[in-house]
Amino acid sequence: MSFVLNVYPNGIPTESSYKFEKLHLNLSMVITPHVFKDDRGEFIEVFNQVQFKQLLGIDFMQDCTSVSRKNTLRGLHGDFRTWKLIHCPKGSVMACIIDLNPGSSTYFQSTQVLINDKNRALLLVPPGFGNSYYVLEEDTVYFYKKTTYFVPGAEFTLHYTCVPWPKRINPILSKRDLQAPRNLIEFESEMKKRNDLENNPFLLQDTMYPMMNSE
């Protein structure tokens, strides 16, 4: 899939306009919507089906929302079939993504993006990425659109310590996240056993591309 980076028409933000900025990881992006402000407050169009379909070729199918306590950390979670479009309508999170597509030039590389109710940033996460976020404010609302429907157990998990966070954190974790693979070798070993994961590239590793060096 090829992406066209688009800026506000004539450089002037208008309703139903977005700025698309590629991150250094594969096809991930930060998307900035136009924010209309006046004496009453703000108006933001977070999603426009025509524009996103035309520019990105993506159809979203499901919306999900979580509300979290401060210092909660969710992830790293993902699969090999789903695009996600993330934003934070209330509060603040440090979002972290990692490229877990073994054929990618940015395999096992990660980055962080601050998403909050001030910058109104949207984060586009491709399939094969681990996605995580650390909650910076109480009662933070985290919202994301998905291109697939939820299937119980049809995701992978990677321990949050596999990525460098910008500061020392002491997160609140789920049992699932505590028990996740803690390094590249453990993750690759688990993926080779996951024949339940749709589009799992690790099951075709030997024929598609060589395994990355795990040392």
C-alpha atoms as a PDB file:
ATOM      1  CA  MET A   1       0.000   0.000   0.000  1.00  0.00           C
ATOM      2  CA  SER A   2       1.381   3.394  -0.945  1.00  0.00           C
ATOM      3  CA  PHE A   3       0.701   6.454   1.192  1.00  0.00           C
ATOM      4  CA  VAL A   4       0.267  10.001   0.011  1.00  0.00           C
ATOM      5  CA  LEU A   5       1.263  12.608   2.577  1.00  0.00           C
ATOM      6  CA  ASN A   6      -1.315  15.354   2.540  1.00  0.00           C
ATOM      7  CA  VAL A   7      -1.259  18.795   4.154  1.00  0.00           C
ATOM      8  CA  TYR A   8      -4.029  21.242   4.801  1.00  0.00           C
ATOM      9  CA  PRO A   9      -5.309  22.721   1.493  1.00  0.00           C
ATOM     10  CA  ASN A  10      -3.141  25.720   0.562  1.00  0.00           C
ATOM     11  CA  GLY A  11      -1.518  25.405   3.969  1.00  0.00           C
ATOM     12  CA  ILE A  12      -4.678  26.704   5.666  1.00  0.00           C
ATOM     13  CA  PRO A  13      -6.446  24.347   8.107  1.00  0.00           C
ATOM     14  CA  THR A  14     -10.137  23.860   7.374  1.00  0.00           C
ATOM     15  CA  GLU A  15     -12.836  21.563   8.672  1.00  0.00           C
ATOM     16  CA  SER A  16     -12.458  18.010   7.287  1.00  0.00           C
ATOM     17  CA  SER A  17      -8.745  18.505   6.651  1.00  0.00           C
ATOM     18  CA  TYR A  18      -5.823  16.569   8.103  1.00  0.00           C
ATOM     19  CA  LYS A  19      -2.043  16.660   8.108  1.00  0.00           C
ATOM     20  CA  PHE A  20      -0.361  13.281   7.611  1.00  0.00           C
ATOM     21  CA  GLU A  21       3.213  12.879   8.863  1.00  0.00           C
ATOM     22  CA  LYS A  22       5.137   9.619   8.495  1.00  0.00           C
ATOM     23  CA  LEU A  23       7.039   8.269  11.468  1.00  0.00           C
ATOM     24  CA  HIS A  24      10.314   6.420  10.895  1.00  0.00           C
ATOM     25  CA  LEU A  25       8.686   3.027  11.584  1.00  0.00           C
ATOM     26  CA  ASN A  26       7.310   1.316   8.499  1.00  0.00           C
ATOM     27  CA  LEU A  27       3.875   2.778   7.597  1.00  0.00           C
ATOM     28  CA  SER A  28       3.031   4.368  10.954  1.00  0.00           C
ATOM     29  CA  MET A  29       1.873   7.990  11.018  1.00  0.00           C
ATOM     30  CA  VAL A  30       0.901  10.884  13.229  1.00  0.00           C
ATOM     31  CA  ILE A  31      -2.202  12.600  11.882  1.00  0.00           C
ATOM     32  CA  THR A  32      -3.189  16.117  12.929  1.00  0.00           C
ATOM     33  CA  PRO A  33      -6.838  17.117  12.464  1.00  0.00           C
ATOM     34  CA  HIS A  34      -8.046  20.674  12.122  1.00  0.00           C
ATOM     35  CA  VAL A  35      -9.205  22.065  15.481  1.00  0.00           C
ATOM     36  CA  PHE A  36     -11.798  24.846  15.324  1.00  0.00           C
ATOM     37  CA  LYS A  37     -11.724  27.106  18.399  1.00  0.00           C
ATOM     38  CA  ASP A  38     -13.950  29.963  19.508  1.00  0.00           C
ATOM     39  CA  ASP A  39     -15.363  31.397  22.747  1.00  0.00           C
ATOM     40  CA  ARG A  40     -17.451  28.269  23.304  1.00  0.00           C
ATOM     41  CA  GLY A  41     -14.541  25.835  23.139  1.00  0.00           C
ATOM     42  CA  GLU A  42     -13.309  23.452  20.434  1.00  0.00           C
ATOM     43  CA  PHE A  43     -14.651  21.371  17.565  1.00  0.00           C
ATOM     44  CA  ILE A  44     -12.562  18.534  16.104  1.00  0.00           C
ATOM     45  CA  GLU A  45     -13.404  16.171  13.274  1.00  0.00           C
ATOM     46  CA  VAL A  46     -11.477  13.040  14.260  1.00  0.00           C
ATOM     47  CA  PHE A  47     -12.423  10.866  11.306  1.00  0.00           C
ATOM     48  CA  ASN A  48     -13.655  11.393   7.761  1.00  0.00           C
ATOM     49  CA  GLN A  49     -14.376   8.165   5.899  1.00  0.00           C
ATOM     50  CA  VAL A  50     -13.982   9.625   2.410  1.00  0.00           C
ATOM     51  CA  GLN A  51     -10.620  11.240   3.121  1.00  0.00           C
ATOM     52  CA  PHE A  52      -9.151   8.288   5.004  1.00  0.00           C
ATOM     53  CA  LYS A  53     -10.312   5.827   2.380  1.00  0.00           C
ATOM     54  CA  GLN A  54      -9.029   7.993  -0.473  1.00  0.00           C
ATOM     55  CA  LEU A  55      -5.668   8.842   1.077  1.00  0.00           C
ATOM     56  CA  LEU A  56      -4.887   5.672   3.033  1.00  0.00           C
ATOM     57  CA  GLY A  57      -7.029   2.960   1.464  1.00  0.00           C
ATOM     58  CA  ILE A  58      -8.288   1.850   4.885  1.00  0.00           C
ATOM     59  CA  ASP A  59     -11.821   0.914   5.986  1.00  0.00           C
ATOM     60  CA  PHE A  60     -12.460   0.997   9.729  1.00  0.00           C
ATOM     61  CA  MET A  61     -15.007  -1.414  11.205  1.00  0.00           C
ATOM     62  CA  GLN A  62     -15.008  -1.177  14.995  1.00  0.00           C
ATOM     63  CA  ASP A  63     -14.564   1.517  17.667  1.00  0.00           C
ATOM     64  CA  CYS A  64     -13.161   0.793  21.141  1.00  0.00           C
ATOM     65  CA  THR A  65     -12.711   2.946  24.243  1.00  0.00           C
ATOM     66  CA  SER A  66     -10.888   2.441  27.540  1.00  0.00           C
ATOM     67  CA  VAL A  67     -10.872   4.589  30.685  1.00  0.00           C
ATOM     68  CA  SER A  68      -7.757   4.174  32.839  1.00  0.00           C
ATOM     69  CA  ARG A  69      -6.200   5.234  36.121  1.00  0.00           C
ATOM     70  CA  LYS A  70      -2.994   7.233  36.157  1.00  0.00           C
ATOM     71  CA  ASN A  71       0.135   5.018  35.805  1.00  0.00           C
ATOM     72  CA  THR A  72      -1.773   2.232  34.082  1.00  0.00           C
ATOM     73  CA  LEU A  73       0.145   0.656  31.217  1.00  0.00           C
ATOM     74  CA  ARG A  74      -1.644  -1.431  28.593  1.00  0.00           C
ATOM     75  CA  GLY A  75       0.301  -3.459  26.053  1.00  0.00           C
ATOM     76  CA  LEU A  76       2.298  -4.098  24.038  1.00  0.00           C
ATOM     77  CA  HIS A  77      -0.552  -5.737  22.078  1.00  0.00           C
ATOM     78  CA  GLY A  78      -1.201  -6.349  18.397  1.00  0.00           C
ATOM     79  CA  ASP A  79      -1.856  -8.733  15.533  1.00  0.00           C
ATOM     80  CA  PHE A  80      -0.915  -9.094  11.873  1.00  0.00           C
ATOM     81  CA  ARG A  81      -4.267  -8.085  10.382  1.00  0.00           C
ATOM     82  CA  THR A  82      -5.439  -4.829  11.997  1.00  0.00           C
ATOM     83  CA  TRP A  83      -4.876  -1.142  11.395  1.00  0.00           C
ATOM     84  CA  LYS A  84      -5.633   1.126  14.382  1.00  0.00           C
ATOM     85  CA  LEU A  85      -6.355   4.851  14.514  1.00  0.00           C
ATOM     86  CA  ILE A  86      -5.816   6.139  18.058  1.00  0.00           C
ATOM     87  CA  HIS A  87      -6.629   9.359  19.852  1.00  0.00           C
ATOM     88  CA  CYS A  88      -7.086  10.587  23.417  1.00  0.00           C
ATOM     89  CA  PRO A  89     -10.213  12.752  23.819  1.00  0.00           C
ATOM     90  CA  LYS A  90      -9.669  13.207  27.582  1.00  0.00           C
ATOM     91  CA  GLY A  91      -6.432  13.114  29.567  1.00  0.00           C
ATOM     92  CA  SER A  92      -2.992  12.144  28.332  1.00  0.00           C
ATOM     93  CA  VAL A  93      -1.001   9.053  27.348  1.00  0.00           C
ATOM     94  CA  MET A  94       2.493   8.284  26.192  1.00  0.00           C
ATOM     95  CA  ALA A  95       1.796   5.904  23.324  1.00  0.00           C
ATOM     96  CA  CYS A  96       4.516   3.462  22.287  1.00  0.00           C
ATOM     97  CA  ILE A  97       4.597   1.326  19.150  1.00  0.00           C
ATOM     98  CA  ILE A  98       7.088  -1.302  17.993  1.00  0.00           C
ATOM     99  CA  ASP A  99       7.440  -2.837  14.541  1.00  0.00           C
ATOM    100  CA  LEU A 100       7.113  -6.623  14.882  1.00  0.00           C
ATOM    101  CA  ASN A 101       6.970  -7.457  11.180  1.00  0.00           C
ATOM    102  CA  PRO A 102      10.080  -9.655  10.713  1.00  0.00           C
ATOM    103  CA  GLY A 103      10.551  -8.670   7.073  1.00  0.00           C
ATOM    104  CA  SER A 104      10.552  -4.944   7.846  1.00  0.00           C
ATOM    105  CA  SER A 105      13.659  -2.766   7.741  1.00  0.00           C
ATOM    106  CA  THR A 106      12.556  -1.335  11.109  1.00  0.00           C
ATOM    107  CA  TYR A 107      11.911  -4.719  12.753  1.00  0.00           C
ATOM    108  CA  PHE A 108      11.910  -4.506  16.574  1.00  0.00           C
ATOM    109  CA  GLN A 109      12.430  -0.735  16.482  1.00  0.00           C
ATOM    110  CA  SER A 110      10.095   1.448  18.533  1.00  0.00           C
ATOM    111  CA  THR A 111       9.004   5.030  19.052  1.00  0.00           C
ATOM    112  CA  GLN A 112       6.823   7.030  21.453  1.00  0.00           C
ATOM    113  CA  VAL A 113       4.177   9.637  20.708  1.00  0.00           C
ATOM    114  CA  LEU A 114       2.482  11.914  23.242  1.00  0.00           C
ATOM    115  CA  ILE A 115      -1.272  11.909  22.648  1.00  0.00           C
ATOM    116  CA  ASN A 116      -3.564  14.073  24.743  1.00  0.00           C
ATOM    117  CA  ASP A 117      -6.554  16.395  24.830  1.00  0.00           C
ATOM    118  CA  LYS A 118      -4.288  19.361  24.129  1.00  0.00           C
ATOM    119  CA  ASN A 119      -2.397  18.356  20.973  1.00  0.00           C
ATOM    120  CA  ARG A 120      -5.339  16.296  19.594  1.00  0.00           C
ATOM    121  CA  ALA A 121      -2.879  14.036  17.744  1.00  0.00           C
ATOM    122  CA  LEU A 122      -4.035  10.832  16.052  1.00  0.00           C
ATOM    123  CA  LEU A 123      -1.711   7.826  15.779  1.00  0.00           C
ATOM    124  CA  LEU A 124      -2.048   5.398  12.865  1.00  0.00           C
ATOM    125  CA  VAL A 125      -0.709   1.943  13.766  1.00  0.00           C
ATOM    126  CA  PRO A 126      -0.192  -0.652  10.981  1.00  0.00           C
ATOM    127  CA  PRO A 127      -0.706  -4.425  11.238  1.00  0.00           C
ATOM    128  CA  GLY A 128       2.182  -6.307  12.829  1.00  0.00           C
ATOM    129  CA  PHE A 129       2.884  -3.563  15.353  1.00  0.00           C
ATOM    130  CA  GLY A 130       2.856  -3.883  19.111  1.00  0.00           C
ATOM    131  CA  ASN A 131       0.841  -1.035  20.574  1.00  0.00           C
ATOM    132  CA  SER A 132       1.066   0.231  24.150  1.00  0.00           C
ATOM    133  CA  TYR A 133       0.279   3.314  26.195  1.00  0.00           C
ATOM    134  CA  TYR A 134       1.206   4.646  29.627  1.00  0.00           C
ATOM    135  CA  VAL A 135      -1.478   6.768  31.290  1.00  0.00           C
ATOM    136  CA  LEU A 136      -0.295  10.184  32.505  1.00  0.00           C
ATOM    137  CA  GLU A 137      -3.540  11.550  34.024  1.00  0.00           C
ATOM    138  CA  GLU A 138      -6.411  10.145  36.081  1.00  0.00           C
ATOM    139  CA  ASP A 139      -9.506   8.926  34.230  1.00  0.00           C
ATOM    140  CA  THR A 140      -7.858   9.190  30.844  1.00  0.00           C
ATOM    141  CA  VAL A 141     -10.039   8.177  27.886  1.00  0.00           C
ATOM    142  CA  TYR A 142      -8.261   6.283  25.102  1.00  0.00           C
ATOM    143  CA  PHE A 143     -10.184   5.716  21.880  1.00  0.00           C
ATOM    144  CA  TYR A 144      -9.275   3.782  18.759  1.00  0.00           C
ATOM    145  CA  LYS A 145     -10.798   2.637  15.490  1.00  0.00           C
ATOM    146  CA  LYS A 146      -9.995  -0.818  14.054  1.00  0.00           C
ATOM    147  CA  THR A 147     -10.151  -2.297  10.564  1.00  0.00           C
ATOM    148  CA  THR A 148     -11.132  -5.725  11.984  1.00  0.00           C
ATOM    149  CA  TYR A 149     -13.529  -7.016  14.596  1.00  0.00           C
ATOM    150  CA  PHE A 150     -12.290  -8.187  17.984  1.00  0.00           C
ATOM    151  CA  VAL A 151     -11.528 -11.909  18.254  1.00  0.00           C
ATOM    152  CA  PRO A 152     -10.734 -13.186  21.788  1.00  0.00           C
ATOM    153  CA  GLY A 153      -7.159 -14.457  22.077  1.00  0.00           C
ATOM    154  CA  ALA A 154      -6.232 -13.462  18.517  1.00  0.00           C
ATOM    155  CA  GLU A 155      -3.458 -11.041  19.499  1.00  0.00           C
ATOM    156  CA  PHE A 156       0.195 -11.253  20.477  1.00  0.00           C
ATOM    157  CA  THR A 157       1.686  -9.640  23.588  1.00  0.00           C
ATOM    158  CA  LEU A 158       5.169  -8.277  24.261  1.00  0.00           C
ATOM    159  CA  HIS A 159       6.487  -7.110  27.642  1.00  0.00           C
ATOM    160  CA  TYR A 160       6.633  -3.343  28.022  1.00  0.00           C
ATOM    161  CA  THR A 161      10.333  -3.465  29.012  1.00  0.00           C
ATOM    162  CA  CYS A 162      11.217  -4.471  25.438  1.00  0.00           C
ATOM    163  CA  VAL A 163      10.970  -0.805  24.467  1.00  0.00           C
ATOM    164  CA  PRO A 164      12.804   2.215  25.954  1.00  0.00           C
ATOM    165  CA  TRP A 165      10.359   4.493  27.755  1.00  0.00           C
ATOM    166  CA  PRO A 166      11.272   8.183  28.061  1.00  0.00           C
ATOM    167  CA  LYS A 167      11.355   8.080  31.861  1.00  0.00           C
ATOM    168  CA  ARG A 168      11.395   5.539  34.665  1.00  0.00           C
ATOM    169  CA  ILE A 169       7.891   4.187  35.204  1.00  0.00           C
ATOM    170  CA  ASN A 170       6.235   1.917  37.768  1.00  0.00           C
ATOM    171  CA  PRO A 171       3.144   0.830  35.869  1.00  0.00           C
ATOM    172  CA  ILE A 172      -0.085  -0.871  36.857  1.00  0.00           C
ATOM    173  CA  LEU A 173      -0.192  -4.004  34.675  1.00  0.00           C
ATOM    174  CA  SER A 174      -2.601  -6.798  33.868  1.00  0.00           C
ATOM    175  CA  LYS A 175      -1.674 -10.453  34.407  1.00  0.00           C
ATOM    176  CA  ARG A 176      -1.467 -10.874  30.639  1.00  0.00           C
ATOM    177  CA  ASP A 177       1.063  -8.074  30.297  1.00  0.00           C
ATOM    178  CA  LEU A 178       3.138  -9.274  33.251  1.00  0.00           C
ATOM    179  CA  GLN A 179       3.516 -12.721  31.655  1.00  0.00           C
ATOM    180  CA  ALA A 180       4.386 -11.490  28.149  1.00  0.00           C
ATOM    181  CA  PRO A 181       7.661 -12.391  26.341  1.00  0.00           C
ATOM    182  CA  ARG A 182      10.479 -10.223  27.691  1.00  0.00           C
ATOM    183  CA  ASN A 183      12.908 -10.162  24.760  1.00  0.00           C
ATOM    184  CA  LEU A 184      13.231 -10.755  21.040  1.00  0.00           C
ATOM    185  CA  ILE A 185      14.204 -14.419  21.350  1.00  0.00           C
ATOM    186  CA  GLU A 186      11.206 -15.247  23.557  1.00  0.00           C
ATOM    187  CA  PHE A 187       8.846 -13.344  21.259  1.00  0.00           C
ATOM    188  CA  GLU A 188      10.053 -15.071  18.072  1.00  0.00           C
ATOM    189  CA  SER A 189       9.867 -18.471  19.769  1.00  0.00           C
ATOM    190  CA  GLU A 190       6.273 -17.860  20.792  1.00  0.00           C
ATOM    191  CA  MET A 191       5.250 -16.549  17.376  1.00  0.00           C
ATOM    192  CA  LYS A 192       6.509 -19.748  15.726  1.00  0.00           C
ATOM    193  CA  LYS A 193       3.929 -21.631  17.812  1.00  0.00           C
ATOM    194  CA  ARG A 194       0.981 -19.303  17.128  1.00  0.00           C
ATOM    195  CA  ASN A 195      -0.845 -20.929  14.234  1.00  0.00           C
ATOM    196  CA  ASP A 196      -4.002 -19.229  15.525  1.00  0.00           C
ATOM    197  CA  LEU A 197      -2.766 -15.783  14.457  1.00  0.00           C
ATOM    198  CA  GLU A 198      -4.109 -14.665  11.097  1.00  0.00           C
ATOM    199  CA  ASN A 199      -1.365 -13.623   8.640  1.00  0.00           C
ATOM    200  CA  ASN A 200       1.353 -14.722  11.087  1.00  0.00           C
ATOM    201  CA  PRO A 201       4.599 -14.204   9.085  1.00  0.00           C
ATOM    202  CA  PHE A 202       6.693 -16.234  11.515  1.00  0.00           C
ATOM    203  CA  LEU A 203       5.035 -19.464  10.365  1.00  0.00           C
ATOM    204  CA  LEU A 204       6.417 -18.775   6.873  1.00  0.00           C
ATOM    205  CA  GLN A 205       9.719 -17.404   8.141  1.00  0.00           C
ATOM    206  CA  ASP A 206      12.053 -19.802   6.340  1.00  0.00           C
ATOM    207  CA  THR A 207      10.459 -19.295   2.919  1.00  0.00           C
ATOM    208  CA  MET A 208       9.686 -15.573   3.062  1.00  0.00           C
ATOM    209  CA  TYR A 209      12.795 -13.987   4.580  1.00  0.00           C
ATOM    210  CA  PRO A 210      15.639 -14.850   6.960  1.00  0.00           C
ATOM    211  CA  MET A 211      15.235 -14.506  10.703  1.00  0.00           C
ATOM    212  CA  MET A 212      16.684 -11.320  12.118  1.00  0.00           C
ATOM    213  CA  ASN A 213      19.733 -11.630  14.333  1.00  0.00           C
ATOM    214  CA  SER A 214      18.483 -11.957  17.916  1.00  0.00           C
ATOM    215  CA  GLU A 215      21.788 -11.278  19.640  1.00  0.00           C
END
